[in-house]
């Protein structure tokens, strides 16, 4: 009831004589509302619920409300459109994939009659002298090295039980504790912190090993990396996957005839290195034979079957520690040099196991389900090629001569008599230095057994710590990154602090403390990462020994460097053979360019595959490879590639050697294929129902099942470590790999092949469903008039009106009724002309738009990673951009009127409705004209506006800009690192303006309100609040007050983050 005073009542009574009753009632309502006490509106804003009069004024109090701008102009002209239409498309011709070449070199036949005799079938066999030579090589060289290694002091690493991961295989991607909102506690015992502790203990054990050659030089152990165990996989996974050298399709190879040449049982290929292995390559290893000098020219590799020509498509360049990129390939050779298989196997033991110490290298086939015995033959045999050029032809030294050279040179480097002579005779020392310097030396009592002699100095060299009269051997090496952390007390303290915080994090139940502990843990992780980064900076270390301890080998670092590439290329041969099984038996699709298939199978965690344990390879290259003391700067990836770049070169860009970009493309392909089939096969299903079914099909759980049907887990290339050891992580990676595979097939052969593969996998047990998937029904409007319905324009004026729109966009539709459906709103869906509204078309057009935009960005921005591509796509397909396109096309002018006299020009469409019209138009184009017509339209109307988001830096939305602004300024203010806090948002009230409900959202940072935004939806209001906050920070004194004065605290649990 309203309360009135007497004066107001007398006044109203005096007016009753001449006012009407209606006017009197209006006046009474107005006056009563004027006098009625106003009840304060309830608000969720904590700042408005407090007593503001008691609050002192501050520079932080003046926060204004920012209104959301629905549409902004993104004007384009004909020049922008024409330039975009000239850019790379899906039909753009790429460079031809490389194929294997044939060696055109002429060779001279050279054999040693003492060691080889010609058999009855024309092949060469071993003589008695040859067998005696091999026996000497085995007893005087191999057995000496291996027996000495067995007698070294033992200091075993930590047992595998302490290192193995104990993840719960039933972990799911969505597992979390709903009651507390926290993630469920995983059963992982080996977190990154515990692995760091194990790594420190392992590094310390190796550095102070009783047989260590030096604390600065790493050595190899079977099944071990520099920081602990190589394999963290569960026992059930140890016999599967390429990371365990299990290649699908491999079978045991029958044993070769060991004492014959192998001309009839082996295929000869030459490992060709196309770039320098070092900037200043020293003199190559040489062998003197019959008064002629033969120089090392690389390796010949012999396989038991012919290698496919597409092998070189799987190769990728090898990156050295001084940042050089080594290009190499395999060349087919018809010439068969002089050797026997037994020689090659003995040499392989000497080089790979004796000198390079590749203890984990195995070239015997393994099945993916169980190991095969080693009673068969190796996959490949390697022979070093020492050549001399004579009259344009190459003479290749027989393998027996190389074996004899190794046997003759395997001797003590410097005896007591030699040391005395070298100290007296200057010429003798110079000859000794030239024979030993830049050669591989062996110390049988130490680990590693072999080392490269970079310098040989005289015994009276300044600073000689040995004083034994022997020359000094000096070796220069890079500091091992893992070894440098063992001496850092600061790093150990950080690990200890992190362990304490993690334990408290798992046991604490207070939500406020929970957030604070999490912030502190994030800060510690960043500090430890920075320490690790500083420790990995390369520094040259110089190590010296007395020559008394060493033996000579007669070989140089060039055999080691080329041997590393030989191991690498054999692994690629095995991988390429396995891909044949994937193509022929699983996918039933053969790639034209296998580079795309390899890229799709490469997980982001994959590092360069070196053929065996990567730490063993790196240690070997540091110890016995080329001396690398000059650095090349790492090539920087340009992220500002202009769209006008010359595309006539047409190279397949592989700036990123992982599948994230392909997964970004494949995700859009899978979504479009699914959406198209749902749209056509379920004509009565509404947009919400189609979205539900699509989500069920494209979710990671289902895609992982499809990947499992293709056995992708047996072909994937990813890091052999604990990061992908549990079931949920590996299945998530499999789902991403499946999407990347669809992206690769789309680029290689088209979307139709992707659709066929998905259909076979989804409905392999349902022929009826598969038939419907392969031949979906035609759209109902097209079924009624298969040849088109343009003749109906004579009876329907609205269809005649739409012809003006066709002239406006330059495209003619086969079905005008389908075009009319684009402009039919939900309020007018019950009509016989369109048989429904545009909502289902909008749902289809959204997927078509996603694919076309993704495809364009992938092809024309090869140096942009998946994150930046995703942000650019978000900007291009946002409601703001599409509303601008709708205004340019004047789509609201062509809306179908609800009744004949309705003036559609007076209809005020929301931004979302304008965007829906554009997407519905794209959906209609896709049904009527196909995907190519949609591509042209989208390139002209969408991609021509890409310049606004790249050149002007507007590709980030306001929320992203604010988040990065707060992190960057908080980091600079504190100096020691960011507090880890991010801006958070809260809807505080609702207001009604112009008969529309508006939401007011506040954004806070460190418990301080920094912006207010108002819009018709909460997400738009958050964007407006972020924009207002960025403007608020431009005011004088605001940045200093927030980033310097305010104490970082965890947000209150009542706020929505």
Foldseek 3Di string as FASTA:
>chain_A
DFDDDPVVVVVLVVCPVPDDPVVSVVVVVVVSVVRDDDDDDDWPDPVVVDDVVPDDDDLQPPFDAFAFDLFDFLDDDPVLLVLLVPFDFLPDDFDAAAWFAADPFFADADDDVVFWDADPVGWIFGDPVNVVLVVLLCPVPVCLQVVLVVPADDDDADDLVQVAWDWDQPDAPPAADPVQPGRDDTPTPDDVLNLLVQQLVLLVCQLVPPFAPHSQAGFDDPQAFNRGGLFRFDPQQCLFAVQNVAFAPDDFAAADPQGILCLPQKFKKFKFWPDDPAPDDDAFFWDADPNDIWGWDFKIKIFRDDFGGSLLLLDAWDADPLGDTIDIDMHGYNDRHADGNNLQVSVCCCQVCRQLNQNFFAQGHQHSRGGDDPNHDGRMTMDTWTWDADPSHIYTDHSSSVSVLQSVQFFQLADPVRLVVVVPDVVSVVVSFVQQAQAWKAQSRHPPGIFHFPGWAFCPPPPRPPPPSFIKGKAKFKRDLSSQVSPDPVLVVLSVVLVVLVVCLVPDSDPQVNVLSVLVNVLSVVVNVVVSVVSPPIDMDMDMDGSRRIGGRSHGQVNLVSVQVVLLSSSSSSLVVSVVCLCVPFLVHDFSRCNLVQQLQEALQFDRDRNHDPSSSNSSCRGGHDDHDDHDDHDDQDQQDDLSPDCPNNHDDCPDSHLQLLLLLLLLLLLLLLLVQCCQQPVPDFLVRSVVVSCVCLPLVNLLQLLVSSVSSNNHGHRSDDPQRHNNNVSSVSSSSSSSNQSSCCSRPRSLSVQLSSLCSVVVPPVVSSVCSNPPDADPQCVVPVQADLVCCVVPVLLVVCVVLCVLLVHDFRYSLLVLLLQEDQVQQPDPSNNGHLRSLLSSLVSLLSNLLSSSCVSSRVSDGNVLSVLLSCVLLPLNLQLNLLVVSVSQCSHDDNDDPDRSVPDDDRSVSSSSSVSSNLSSCCSGPNSVVSNSSCSSRRVSSSCCCNVVVVSDFLQVVLFVVQQVLLCVQVVSHHSPWGKAKAFIDWDADPNAIKIKMFIDDLNRTQFIYIDRDPVSRVSSRSVSSVVSVVDPPPSCCRNHVRDRGDDDPVGGD
